[in-house]
């Protein structure tokens, strides 16, 4: 019961593990940033705005997918426990 209470009161942060990048993720993140900088340097202002909107939508989709994966994993763990 302590784990559920900690989760409820905000003492546990399951998403923090996702934020810690391993070497492979760091390399991919660096590559992503370099390519974004190169692309952005070639865009006009209106295109940059469109690209920012694209990134915002993509970020929202990723957050929804991560949340759903967490919920599905939690439900599966609960079913296994029961």
PDB file of N, CA and C in Angstrom:
ATOM      1  N   UNK A   1       0.818  -1.182   0.000  1.00  0.00           N
ATOM      2  CA  UNK A   1       0.000   0.000   0.000  1.00  0.00           C
ATOM      3  C   UNK A   1       0.872   1.260   0.000  1.00  0.00           C
ATOM      4  N   UNK A   2       2.061   1.203   0.525  1.00  0.00           N
ATOM      5  CA  UNK A   2       2.936   2.370   0.563  1.00  0.00           C
ATOM      6  C   UNK A   2       3.257   2.880  -0.838  1.00  0.00           C
ATOM      7  N   UNK A   3       3.452   1.984  -1.778  1.00  0.00           N
ATOM      8  CA  UNK A   3       3.797   2.384  -3.141  1.00  0.00           C
ATOM      9  C   UNK A   3       2.642   3.166  -3.762  1.00  0.00           C
ATOM     10  N   UNK A   4       1.417   2.688  -3.589  1.00  0.00           N
ATOM     11  CA  UNK A   4       0.267   3.397  -4.135  1.00  0.00           C
ATOM     12  C   UNK A   4       0.095   4.769  -3.483  1.00  0.00           C
ATOM     13  N   UNK A   5       0.325   4.840  -2.173  1.00  0.00           N
ATOM     14  CA  UNK A   5       0.230   6.129  -1.488  1.00  0.00           C
ATOM     15  C   UNK A   5       1.315   7.081  -1.984  1.00  0.00           C
ATOM     16  N   UNK A   6       2.523   6.578  -2.140  1.00  0.00           N
ATOM     17  CA  UNK A   6       3.607   7.412  -2.657  1.00  0.00           C
ATOM     18  C   UNK A   6       3.280   7.920  -4.060  1.00  0.00           C
ATOM     19  N   UNK A   7       2.720   7.047  -4.881  1.00  0.00           N
ATOM     20  CA  UNK A   7       2.326   7.440  -6.227  1.00  0.00           C
ATOM     21  C   UNK A   7       1.227   8.496  -6.167  1.00  0.00           C
ATOM     22  N   UNK A   8       0.248   8.282  -5.308  1.00  0.00           N
ATOM     23  CA  UNK A   8      -0.874   9.213  -5.165  1.00  0.00           C
ATOM     24  C   UNK A   8      -0.398  10.590  -4.687  1.00  0.00           C
ATOM     25  N   UNK A   9       0.470  10.611  -3.701  1.00  0.00           N
ATOM     26  CA  UNK A   9       0.935  11.874  -3.134  1.00  0.00           C
ATOM     27  C   UNK A   9       2.061  12.520  -3.932  1.00  0.00           C
ATOM     28  N   UNK A  10       2.435  11.905  -5.023  1.00  0.00           N
ATOM     29  CA  UNK A  10       3.451  12.507  -5.873  1.00  0.00           C
ATOM     30  C   UNK A  10       4.871  12.293  -5.402  1.00  0.00           C
ATOM     31  N   UNK A  11       5.086  11.278  -4.577  1.00  0.00           N
ATOM     32  CA  UNK A  11       6.436  10.992  -4.092  1.00  0.00           C
ATOM     33  C   UNK A  11       7.207  10.085  -5.038  1.00  0.00           C
ATOM     34  N   UNK A  12       6.517   9.429  -5.942  1.00  0.00           N
ATOM     35  CA  UNK A  12       7.152   8.578  -6.950  1.00  0.00           C
ATOM     36  C   UNK A  12       7.002   9.244  -8.308  1.00  0.00           C
ATOM     37  N   UNK A  13       8.033   9.151  -9.101  1.00  0.00           N
ATOM     38  CA  UNK A  13       8.027   9.739 -10.426  1.00  0.00           C
ATOM     39  C   UNK A  13       8.487   8.687 -11.435  1.00  0.00           C
ATOM     40  N   UNK A  14       7.581   7.808 -11.856  1.00  0.00           N
ATOM     41  CA  UNK A  14       7.964   6.724 -12.766  1.00  0.00           C
ATOM     42  C   UNK A  14       8.548   7.227 -14.083  1.00  0.00           C
ATOM     43  N   UNK A  15       8.146   8.407 -14.503  1.00  0.00           N
ATOM     44  CA  UNK A  15       8.633   8.943 -15.768  1.00  0.00           C
ATOM     45  C   UNK A  15      10.077   9.426 -15.688  1.00  0.00           C
ATOM     46  N   UNK A  16      10.634   9.564 -14.489  1.00  0.00           N
ATOM     47  CA  UNK A  16      12.015  10.017 -14.362  1.00  0.00           C
ATOM     48  C   UNK A  16      12.999   9.044 -15.002  1.00  0.00           C
ATOM     49  N   UNK A  17      12.693   7.760 -14.922  1.00  0.00           N
ATOM     50  CA  UNK A  17      13.597   6.778 -15.535  1.00  0.00           C
ATOM     51  C   UNK A  17      13.716   7.021 -17.029  1.00  0.00           C
ATOM     52  N   UNK A  18      12.637   7.438 -17.652  1.00  0.00           N
ATOM     53  CA  UNK A  18      12.660   7.715 -19.085  1.00  0.00           C
ATOM     54  C   UNK A  18      13.548   8.915 -19.396  1.00  0.00           C
ATOM     55  N   UNK A  19      13.633   9.852 -18.468  1.00  0.00           N
ATOM     56  CA  UNK A  19      14.397  11.068 -18.706  1.00  0.00           C
ATOM     57  C   UNK A  19      15.906  10.834 -18.621  1.00  0.00           C
ATOM     58  N   UNK A  20      16.336   9.782 -17.943  1.00  0.00           N
ATOM     59  CA  UNK A  20      17.755   9.480 -17.842  1.00  0.00           C
ATOM     60  C   UNK A  20      18.194   8.803 -19.140  1.00  0.00           C
ATOM     61  N   UNK A  21      19.085   9.470 -19.846  1.00  0.00           N
ATOM     62  CA  UNK A  21      19.481   8.981 -21.160  1.00  0.00           C
ATOM     63  C   UNK A  21      20.698   8.071 -21.073  1.00  0.00           C
ATOM     64  N   UNK A  22      20.602   6.933 -21.715  1.00  0.00           N
ATOM     65  CA  UNK A  22      21.773   6.083 -21.828  1.00  0.00           C
ATOM     66  C   UNK A  22      22.600   6.569 -23.020  1.00  0.00           C
ATOM     67  N   UNK A  23      23.733   5.937 -23.271  1.00  0.00           N
ATOM     68  CA  UNK A  23      24.644   6.392 -24.318  1.00  0.00           C
ATOM     69  C   UNK A  23      23.982   6.402 -25.696  1.00  0.00           C
ATOM     70  N   UNK A  24      23.210   5.373 -26.007  1.00  0.00           N
ATOM     71  CA  UNK A  24      22.561   5.303 -27.316  1.00  0.00           C
ATOM     72  C   UNK A  24      21.566   6.449 -27.494  1.00  0.00           C
ATOM     73  N   UNK A  25      20.792   6.715 -26.439  1.00  0.00           N
ATOM     74  CA  UNK A  25      19.815   7.804 -26.504  1.00  0.00           C
ATOM     75  C   UNK A  25      20.512   9.161 -26.590  1.00  0.00           C
ATOM     76  N   UNK A  26      21.620   9.328 -25.874  1.00  0.00           N
ATOM     77  CA  UNK A  26      22.359  10.585 -25.939  1.00  0.00           C
ATOM     78  C   UNK A  26      22.882  10.825 -27.350  1.00  0.00           C
ATOM     79  N   UNK A  27      23.384   9.772 -27.975  1.00  0.00           N
ATOM     80  CA  UNK A  27      23.911   9.889 -29.334  1.00  0.00           C
ATOM     81  C   UNK A  27      22.789  10.257 -30.315  1.00  0.00           C
ATOM     82  N   UNK A  28      21.654   9.576 -30.192  1.00  0.00           N
ATOM     83  CA  UNK A  28      20.535   9.874 -31.077  1.00  0.00           C
ATOM     84  C   UNK A  28      19.980  11.278 -30.835  1.00  0.00           C
ATOM     85  N   UNK A  29      19.937  11.695 -29.593  1.00  0.00           N
ATOM     86  CA  UNK A  29      19.461  13.030 -29.269  1.00  0.00           C
ATOM     87  C   UNK A  29      20.388  14.092 -29.843  1.00  0.00           C
ATOM     88  N   UNK A  30      21.682  13.860 -29.753  1.00  0.00           N
ATOM     89  CA  UNK A  30      22.649  14.790 -30.337  1.00  0.00           C
ATOM     90  C   UNK A  30      22.498  14.888 -31.843  1.00  0.00           C
ATOM     91  N   UNK A  31      22.312  13.742 -32.487  1.00  0.00           N
ATOM     92  CA  UNK A  31      22.112  13.709 -33.933  1.00  0.00           C
ATOM     93  C   UNK A  31      20.837  14.455 -34.312  1.00  0.00           C
ATOM     94  N   UNK A  32      19.784  14.221 -33.555  1.00  0.00           N
ATOM     95  CA  UNK A  32      18.517  14.903 -33.789  1.00  0.00           C
ATOM     96  C   UNK A  32      18.696  16.421 -33.687  1.00  0.00           C
ATOM     97  N   UNK A  33      19.380  16.872 -32.650  1.00  0.00           N
ATOM     98  CA  UNK A  33      19.598  18.310 -32.461  1.00  0.00           C
ATOM     99  C   UNK A  33      20.445  18.918 -33.575  1.00  0.00           C
ATOM    100  N   UNK A  34      21.496  18.219 -33.990  1.00  0.00           N
ATOM    101  CA  UNK A  34      22.345  18.734 -35.077  1.00  0.00           C
ATOM    102  C   UNK A  34      21.552  18.850 -36.373  1.00  0.00           C
ATOM    103  N   UNK A  35      20.773  17.837 -36.681  1.00  0.00           N
ATOM    104  CA  UNK A  35      19.981  17.868 -37.907  1.00  0.00           C
ATOM    105  C   UNK A  35      18.904  18.942 -37.854  1.00  0.00           C
ATOM    106  N   UNK A  36      18.319  19.130 -36.683  1.00  0.00           N
ATOM    107  CA  UNK A  36      17.316  20.189 -36.539  1.00  0.00           C
ATOM    108  C   UNK A  36      17.950  21.562 -36.760  1.00  0.00           C
ATOM    109  N   UNK A  37      19.132  21.778 -36.202  1.00  0.00           N
ATOM    110  CA  UNK A  37      19.826  23.056 -36.393  1.00  0.00           C
ATOM    111  C   UNK A  37      20.138  23.297 -37.867  1.00  0.00           C
ATOM    112  N   UNK A  38      20.598  22.260 -38.569  1.00  0.00           N
ATOM    113  CA  UNK A  38      20.898  22.397 -39.994  1.00  0.00           C
ATOM    114  C   UNK A  38      19.629  22.722 -40.780  1.00  0.00           C
ATOM    115  N   UNK A  39      18.554  22.028 -40.472  1.00  0.00           N
ATOM    116  CA  UNK A  39      17.301  22.259 -41.177  1.00  0.00           C
ATOM    117  C   UNK A  39      16.770  23.662 -40.893  1.00  0.00           C
ATOM    118  N   UNK A  40      16.755  24.047 -39.640  1.00  0.00           N
ATOM    119  CA  UNK A  40      16.225  25.351 -39.256  1.00  0.00           C
ATOM    120  C   UNK A  40      17.006  26.486 -39.909  1.00  0.00           C
ATOM    121  N   UNK A  41      18.292  26.297 -40.083  1.00  0.00           N
ATOM    122  CA  UNK A  41      19.124  27.335 -40.699  1.00  0.00           C
ATOM    123  C   UNK A  41      18.736  27.583 -42.154  1.00  0.00           C
ATOM    124  N   UNK A  42      18.085  26.629 -42.795  1.00  0.00           N
ATOM    125  CA  UNK A  42      17.726  26.777 -44.208  1.00  0.00           C
ATOM    126  C   UNK A  42      16.291  27.262 -44.413  1.00  0.00           C
ATOM    127  N   UNK A  43      15.546  27.423 -43.314  1.00  0.00           N
ATOM    128  CA  UNK A  43      14.137  27.780 -43.433  1.00  0.00           C
ATOM    129  C   UNK A  43      13.903  29.282 -43.316  1.00  0.00           C
ATOM    130  N   UNK A  44      12.854  29.741 -43.994  1.00  0.00           N
ATOM    131  CA  UNK A  44      12.393  31.118 -43.835  1.00  0.00           C
ATOM    132  C   UNK A  44      11.538  31.195 -42.573  1.00  0.00           C
ATOM    133  N   UNK A  45      11.243  32.403 -42.115  1.00  0.00           N
ATOM    134  CA  UNK A  45      10.513  32.589 -40.857  1.00  0.00           C
ATOM    135  C   UNK A  45       9.181  31.837 -40.832  1.00  0.00           C
ATOM    136  N   UNK A  46       8.398  31.946 -41.904  1.00  0.00           N
ATOM    137  CA  UNK A  46       7.101  31.259 -41.941  1.00  0.00           C
ATOM    138  C   UNK A  46       7.275  29.741 -41.870  1.00  0.00           C
ATOM    139  N   UNK A  47       8.296  29.240 -42.532  1.00  0.00           N
ATOM    140  CA  UNK A  47       8.580  27.806 -42.497  1.00  0.00           C
ATOM    141  C   UNK A  47       9.031  27.379 -41.098  1.00  0.00           C
ATOM    142  N   UNK A  48       9.790  28.236 -40.422  1.00  0.00           N
ATOM    143  CA  UNK A  48      10.230  27.935 -39.055  1.00  0.00           C
ATOM    144  C   UNK A  48       9.027  27.827 -38.121  1.00  0.00           C
ATOM    145  N   UNK A  49       8.049  28.732 -38.286  1.00  0.00           N
ATOM    146  CA  UNK A  49       6.834  28.670 -37.470  1.00  0.00           C
ATOM    147  C   UNK A  49       6.086  27.365 -37.707  1.00  0.00           C
ATOM    148  N   UNK A  50       5.979  26.981 -38.964  1.00  0.00           N
ATOM    149  CA  UNK A  50       5.298  25.730 -39.306  1.00  0.00           C
ATOM    150  C   UNK A  50       6.047  24.545 -38.713  1.00  0.00           C
ATOM    151  N   UNK A  51       7.364  24.581 -38.782  1.00  0.00           N
ATOM    152  CA  UNK A  51       8.169  23.499 -38.227  1.00  0.00           C
ATOM    153  C   UNK A  51       8.016  23.434 -36.709  1.00  0.00           C
ATOM    154  N   UNK A  52       7.954  24.573 -36.032  1.00  0.00           N
ATOM    155  CA  UNK A  52       7.740  24.601 -34.583  1.00  0.00           C
ATOM    156  C   UNK A  52       6.388  23.991 -34.226  1.00  0.00           C
ATOM    157  N   UNK A  53       5.367  24.323 -35.002  1.00  0.00           N
ATOM    158  CA  UNK A  53       4.040  23.744 -34.774  1.00  0.00           C
ATOM    159  C   UNK A  53       4.075  22.227 -34.974  1.00  0.00           C
ATOM    160  N   UNK A  54       4.799  21.799 -35.995  1.00  0.00           N
ATOM    161  CA  UNK A  54       4.968  20.368 -36.255  1.00  0.00           C
ATOM    162  C   UNK A  54       5.626  19.686 -35.057  1.00  0.00           C
ATOM    163  N   UNK A  55       6.696  20.284 -34.536  1.00  0.00           N
ATOM    164  CA  UNK A  55       7.398  19.705 -33.389  1.00  0.00           C
ATOM    165  C   UNK A  55       6.504  19.663 -32.156  1.00  0.00           C
ATOM    166  N   UNK A  56       5.701  20.710 -31.956  1.00  0.00           N
ATOM    167  CA  UNK A  56       4.784  20.736 -30.813  1.00  0.00           C
ATOM    168  C   UNK A  56       3.773  19.590 -30.909  1.00  0.00           C
ATOM    169  N   UNK A  57       3.191  19.394 -32.085  1.00  0.00           N
ATOM    170  CA  UNK A  57       2.235  18.297 -32.283  1.00  0.00           C
ATOM    171  C   UNK A  57       2.913  16.945 -32.070  1.00  0.00           C
ATOM    172  N   UNK A  58       4.103  16.802 -32.593  1.00  0.00           N
ATOM    173  CA  UNK A  58       4.841  15.551 -32.448  1.00  0.00           C
ATOM    174  C   UNK A  58       5.149  15.282 -30.974  1.00  0.00           C
ATOM    175  N   UNK A  59       5.491  16.326 -30.233  1.00  0.00           N
ATOM    176  CA  UNK A  59       5.775  16.201 -28.798  1.00  0.00           C
ATOM    177  C   UNK A  59       4.512  15.756 -28.049  1.00  0.00           C
ATOM    178  N   UNK A  60       3.376  16.347 -28.402  1.00  0.00           N
ATOM    179  CA  UNK A  60       2.117  15.967 -27.760  1.00  0.00           C
ATOM    180  C   UNK A  60       1.766  14.509 -28.037  1.00  0.00           C
ATOM    181  N   UNK A  61       1.969  14.087 -29.279  1.00  0.00           N
ATOM    182  CA  UNK A  61       1.709  12.689 -29.633  1.00  0.00           C
ATOM    183  C   UNK A  61       2.608  11.761 -28.825  1.00  0.00           C
ATOM    184  N   UNK A  62       3.882  12.121 -28.701  1.00  0.00           N
ATOM    185  CA  UNK A  62       4.819  11.304 -27.923  1.00  0.00           C
ATOM    186  C   UNK A  62       4.397  11.218 -26.464  1.00  0.00           C
ATOM    187  N   UNK A  63       3.964  12.345 -25.896  1.00  0.00           N
ATOM    188  CA  UNK A  63       3.530  12.352 -24.502  1.00  0.00           C
ATOM    189  C   UNK A  63       2.299  11.460 -24.305  1.00  0.00           C
ATOM    190  N   UNK A  64       1.368  11.513 -25.246  1.00  0.00           N
ATOM    191  CA  UNK A  64       0.174  10.665 -25.159  1.00  0.00           C
ATOM    192  C   UNK A  64       0.566   9.194 -25.244  1.00  0.00           C
ATOM    193  N   UNK A  65       1.461   8.866 -26.172  1.00  0.00           N
ATOM    194  CA  UNK A  65       1.916   7.476 -26.322  1.00  0.00           C
ATOM    195  C   UNK A  65       2.643   6.992 -25.069  1.00  0.00           C
ATOM    196  N   UNK A  66       3.498   7.840 -24.496  1.00  0.00           N
ATOM    197  CA  UNK A  66       4.219   7.466 -23.273  1.00  0.00           C
ATOM    198  C   UNK A  66       3.252   7.257 -22.118  1.00  0.00           C
ATOM    199  N   UNK A  67       2.267   8.152 -21.990  1.00  0.00           N
ATOM    200  CA  UNK A  67       1.270   8.009 -20.933  1.00  0.00           C
ATOM    201  C   UNK A  67       0.483   6.716 -21.102  1.00  0.00           C
ATOM    202  N   UNK A  68       0.062   6.430 -22.333  1.00  0.00           N
ATOM    203  CA  UNK A  68      -0.692   5.203 -22.588  1.00  0.00           C
ATOM    204  C   UNK A  68       0.148   3.956 -22.327  1.00  0.00           C
ATOM    205  N   UNK A  69       1.422   4.002 -22.685  1.00  0.00           N
ATOM    206  CA  UNK A  69       2.305   2.862 -22.428  1.00  0.00           C
ATOM    207  C   UNK A  69       2.450   2.644 -20.918  1.00  0.00           C
ATOM    208  N   UNK A  70       2.583   3.734 -20.163  1.00  0.00           N
ATOM    209  CA  UNK A  70       2.674   3.625 -18.712  1.00  0.00           C
ATOM    210  C   UNK A  70       1.399   3.015 -18.142  1.00  0.00           C
ATOM    211  N   UNK A  71       0.251   3.545 -18.570  1.00  0.00           N
ATOM    212  CA  UNK A  71      -1.029   3.039 -18.061  1.00  0.00           C
ATOM    213  C   UNK A  71      -1.230   1.570 -18.410  1.00  0.00           C
ATOM    214  N   UNK A  72      -0.909   1.206 -19.637  1.00  0.00           N
ATOM    215  CA  UNK A  72      -1.051  -0.191 -20.043  1.00  0.00           C
ATOM    216  C   UNK A  72      -0.120  -1.101 -19.253  1.00  0.00           C
ATOM    217  N   UNK A  73       1.103  -0.650 -19.014  1.00  0.00           N
ATOM    218  CA  UNK A  73       2.040  -1.433 -18.216  1.00  0.00           C
ATOM    219  C   UNK A  73       1.581  -1.574 -16.777  1.00  0.00           C
ATOM    220  N   UNK A  74       1.039  -0.493 -16.233  1.00  0.00           N
ATOM    221  CA  UNK A  74       0.535  -0.539 -14.860  1.00  0.00           C
ATOM    222  C   UNK A  74      -0.636  -1.495 -14.765  1.00  0.00           C
ATOM    223  N   UNK A  75      -1.552  -1.416 -15.729  1.00  0.00           N
ATOM    224  CA  UNK A  75      -2.709  -2.326 -15.732  1.00  0.00           C
ATOM    225  C   UNK A  75      -2.274  -3.780 -15.868  1.00  0.00           C
ATOM    226  N   UNK A  76      -1.306  -4.025 -16.746  1.00  0.00           N
ATOM    227  CA  UNK A  76      -0.809  -5.386 -16.924  1.00  0.00           C
ATOM    228  C   UNK A  76      -0.176  -5.895 -15.639  1.00  0.00           C
ATOM    229  N   UNK A  77       0.611  -5.051 -14.987  1.00  0.00           N
ATOM    230  CA  UNK A  77       1.230  -5.440 -13.716  1.00  0.00           C
ATOM    231  C   UNK A  77       0.184  -5.740 -12.665  1.00  0.00           C
ATOM    232  N   UNK A  78      -0.888  -4.944 -12.639  1.00  0.00           N
ATOM    233  CA  UNK A  78      -1.963  -5.187 -11.672  1.00  0.00           C
ATOM    234  C   UNK A  78      -2.661  -6.510 -11.974  1.00  0.00           C
ATOM    235  N   UNK A  79      -2.902  -6.790 -13.253  1.00  0.00           N
ATOM    236  CA  UNK A  79      -3.551  -8.056 -13.622  1.00  0.00           C
ATOM    237  C   UNK A  79      -2.677  -9.246 -13.245  1.00  0.00           C
ATOM    238  N   UNK A  80      -1.379  -9.121 -13.473  1.00  0.00           N
ATOM    239  CA  UNK A  80      -0.460 -10.212 -13.112  1.00  0.00           C
ATOM    240  C   UNK A  80      -0.476 -10.416 -11.606  1.00  0.00           C
ATOM    241  N   UNK A  81      -0.496  -9.328 -10.855  1.00  0.00           N
ATOM    242  CA  UNK A  81      -0.506  -9.422  -9.397  1.00  0.00           C
ATOM    243  C   UNK A  81      -1.783 -10.076  -8.893  1.00  0.00           C
ATOM    244  N   UNK A  82      -2.892  -9.707  -9.521  1.00  0.00           N
ATOM    245  CA  UNK A  82      -4.184 -10.288  -9.084  1.00  0.00           C
ATOM    246  C   UNK A  82      -4.215 -11.739  -9.466  1.00  0.00           C
TER     247      UNK A  82
END
